[in-house]
Amino acid sequence: MRIGVPGLAVIGLGGIFRRKQVRDERMECVSAKAMRVTFIIFVIVAFALMALDGISPITMPYHLFLSYLLCGMLAVLFLLCKVLLRVY
């Protein structure tokens, strides 16, 4: 409750003062391709991690492991978007 109400206030006020962004077909194509490739990379990495975990268990705490995995996915998505924007 302490975080939810200020969060909703920030989102509501942010919508008032936000500029309208231009979205064209190129940006939608780049974002769709970047998300698709990121998902494929995530599936491959998850399979490799399951195989490696079967060989030798991962000793890192679960919450820390998932936060690093999520950060890695966002980094891959960001890099793919930048690369695809230069290509297209």
C-alpha atoms as a PDB file:
ATOM      1  CA  MET A   1       0.000   0.000   0.000  1.00  0.00           C
ATOM      2  CA  ARG A   2       2.863   2.354   0.779  1.00  0.00           C
ATOM      3  CA  ILE A   3       4.361   1.892  -2.678  1.00  0.00           C
ATOM      4  CA  GLY A   4       1.187   1.310  -4.687  1.00  0.00           C
ATOM      5  CA  VAL A   5      -0.529   4.665  -4.140  1.00  0.00           C
ATOM      6  CA  PRO A   6       2.545   6.828  -4.935  1.00  0.00           C
ATOM      7  CA  GLY A   7       3.265   4.559  -7.902  1.00  0.00           C
ATOM      8  CA  LEU A   8      -0.228   5.079  -9.284  1.00  0.00           C
ATOM      9  CA  ALA A   9       0.123   8.833  -8.700  1.00  0.00           C
ATOM     10  CA  VAL A  10       3.407   8.940 -10.621  1.00  0.00           C
ATOM     11  CA  ILE A  11       1.923   6.937 -13.500  1.00  0.00           C
ATOM     12  CA  GLY A  12      -1.175   9.114 -13.599  1.00  0.00           C
ATOM     13  CA  LEU A  13       0.729  12.389 -13.515  1.00  0.00           C
ATOM     14  CA  GLY A  14       3.315  11.083 -15.950  1.00  0.00           C
ATOM     15  CA  GLY A  15       0.595  10.487 -18.515  1.00  0.00           C
ATOM     16  CA  ILE A  16      -0.450  14.124 -18.349  1.00  0.00           C
ATOM     17  CA  PHE A  17       2.994  15.578 -18.982  1.00  0.00           C
ATOM     18  CA  ARG A  18       4.298  12.955 -21.409  1.00  0.00           C
ATOM     19  CA  ARG A  19       4.974  13.820 -25.019  1.00  0.00           C
ATOM     20  CA  LYS A  20       3.349  11.694 -27.664  1.00  0.00           C
ATOM     21  CA  GLN A  21       5.885   9.279 -29.139  1.00  0.00           C
ATOM     22  CA  VAL A  22       6.022   8.538 -32.834  1.00  0.00           C
ATOM     23  CA  ARG A  23       5.646   4.832 -33.581  1.00  0.00           C
ATOM     24  CA  ASP A  24       6.151   3.662 -37.099  1.00  0.00           C
ATOM     25  CA  GLU A  25       6.278   0.263 -38.747  1.00  0.00           C
ATOM     26  CA  ARG A  26      10.073   0.187 -38.626  1.00  0.00           C
ATOM     27  CA  MET A  27      10.164   0.509 -34.826  1.00  0.00           C
ATOM     28  CA  GLU A  28       7.479  -2.141 -34.412  1.00  0.00           C
ATOM     29  CA  CYS A  29       9.368  -4.512 -36.718  1.00  0.00           C
ATOM     30  CA  VAL A  30      12.660  -3.954 -34.882  1.00  0.00           C
ATOM     31  CA  SER A  31      11.083  -4.474 -31.458  1.00  0.00           C
ATOM     32  CA  ALA A  32       9.258  -7.637 -32.572  1.00  0.00           C
ATOM     33  CA  LYS A  33      12.421  -9.138 -34.058  1.00  0.00           C
ATOM     34  CA  ALA A  34      14.483  -8.208 -30.999  1.00  0.00           C
ATOM     35  CA  MET A  35      11.933  -9.780 -28.641  1.00  0.00           C
ATOM     36  CA  ARG A  36      11.737 -12.911 -30.796  1.00  0.00           C
ATOM     37  CA  VAL A  37      15.514 -13.398 -30.849  1.00  0.00           C
ATOM     38  CA  THR A  38      15.760 -12.636 -27.109  1.00  0.00           C
ATOM     39  CA  PHE A  39      13.150 -15.320 -26.390  1.00  0.00           C
ATOM     40  CA  ILE A  40      15.023 -17.854 -28.519  1.00  0.00           C
ATOM     41  CA  ILE A  41      18.277 -17.017 -26.715  1.00  0.00           C
ATOM     42  CA  PHE A  42      16.479 -17.340 -23.365  1.00  0.00           C
ATOM     43  CA  VAL A  43      15.157 -20.815 -24.257  1.00  0.00           C
ATOM     44  CA  ILE A  44      18.619 -21.965 -25.356  1.00  0.00           C
ATOM     45  CA  VAL A  45      20.273 -20.541 -22.220  1.00  0.00           C
ATOM     46  CA  ALA A  46      17.598 -22.107 -19.979  1.00  0.00           C
ATOM     47  CA  PHE A  47      18.183 -25.510 -21.593  1.00  0.00           C
ATOM     48  CA  ALA A  48      21.943 -25.147 -21.167  1.00  0.00           C
ATOM     49  CA  LEU A  49      21.514 -24.103 -17.534  1.00  0.00           C
ATOM     50  CA  MET A  50      19.301 -27.101 -16.804  1.00  0.00           C
ATOM     51  CA  ALA A  51      21.930 -29.384 -18.316  1.00  0.00           C
ATOM     52  CA  LEU A  52      24.739 -27.710 -16.378  1.00  0.00           C
ATOM     53  CA  ASP A  53      22.697 -27.770 -13.167  1.00  0.00           C
ATOM     54  CA  GLY A  54      22.273 -31.513 -13.596  1.00  0.00           C
ATOM     55  CA  ILE A  55      26.038 -31.938 -13.897  1.00  0.00           C
ATOM     56  CA  SER A  56      27.019 -29.625 -11.029  1.00  0.00           C
ATOM     57  CA  PRO A  57      24.401 -27.820  -8.928  1.00  0.00           C
ATOM     58  CA  ILE A  58      24.258 -24.031  -9.008  1.00  0.00           C
ATOM     59  CA  THR A  59      25.265 -22.765  -5.579  1.00  0.00           C
ATOM     60  CA  MET A  60      24.034 -19.200  -6.102  1.00  0.00           C
ATOM     61  CA  PRO A  61      20.856 -18.182  -4.223  1.00  0.00           C
ATOM     62  CA  TYR A  62      17.772 -18.503  -6.390  1.00  0.00           C
ATOM     63  CA  HIS A  63      16.645 -14.861  -6.143  1.00  0.00           C
ATOM     64  CA  LEU A  64      20.099 -13.595  -7.086  1.00  0.00           C
ATOM     65  CA  PHE A  65      20.334 -16.043  -9.974  1.00  0.00           C
ATOM     66  CA  LEU A  66      16.986 -14.937 -11.413  1.00  0.00           C
ATOM     67  CA  SER A  67      17.841 -11.254 -11.030  1.00  0.00           C
ATOM     68  CA  TYR A  68      21.071 -11.788 -12.987  1.00  0.00           C
ATOM     69  CA  LEU A  69      19.175 -13.757 -15.624  1.00  0.00           C
ATOM     70  CA  LEU A  70      16.574 -11.010 -15.984  1.00  0.00           C
ATOM     71  CA  CYS A  71      19.270  -8.340 -16.187  1.00  0.00           C
ATOM     72  CA  GLY A  72      21.025 -10.369 -18.864  1.00  0.00           C
ATOM     73  CA  MET A  73      17.815 -10.715 -20.860  1.00  0.00           C
ATOM     74  CA  LEU A  74      17.221  -6.960 -20.731  1.00  0.00           C
ATOM     75  CA  ALA A  75      20.810  -6.309 -21.796  1.00  0.00           C
ATOM     76  CA  VAL A  76      20.442  -8.702 -24.750  1.00  0.00           C
ATOM     77  CA  LEU A  77      17.149  -7.064 -25.742  1.00  0.00           C
ATOM     78  CA  PHE A  78      18.701  -3.586 -25.560  1.00  0.00           C
ATOM     79  CA  LEU A  79      21.729  -4.602 -27.611  1.00  0.00           C
ATOM     80  CA  LEU A  80      19.588  -6.363 -30.209  1.00  0.00           C
ATOM     81  CA  CYS A  81      17.377  -3.298 -30.579  1.00  0.00           C
ATOM     82  CA  LYS A  82      20.430  -1.076 -31.124  1.00  0.00           C
ATOM     83  CA  VAL A  83      21.919  -3.487 -33.670  1.00  0.00           C
ATOM     84  CA  LEU A  84      18.656  -3.948 -35.545  1.00  0.00           C
ATOM     85  CA  LEU A  85      18.053  -0.191 -35.656  1.00  0.00           C
ATOM     86  CA  ARG A  86      21.386   0.203 -37.443  1.00  0.00           C
ATOM     87  CA  VAL A  87      20.608  -2.647 -39.846  1.00  0.00           C
ATOM     88  CA  TYR A  88      17.072  -1.497 -40.756  1.00  0.00           C
END
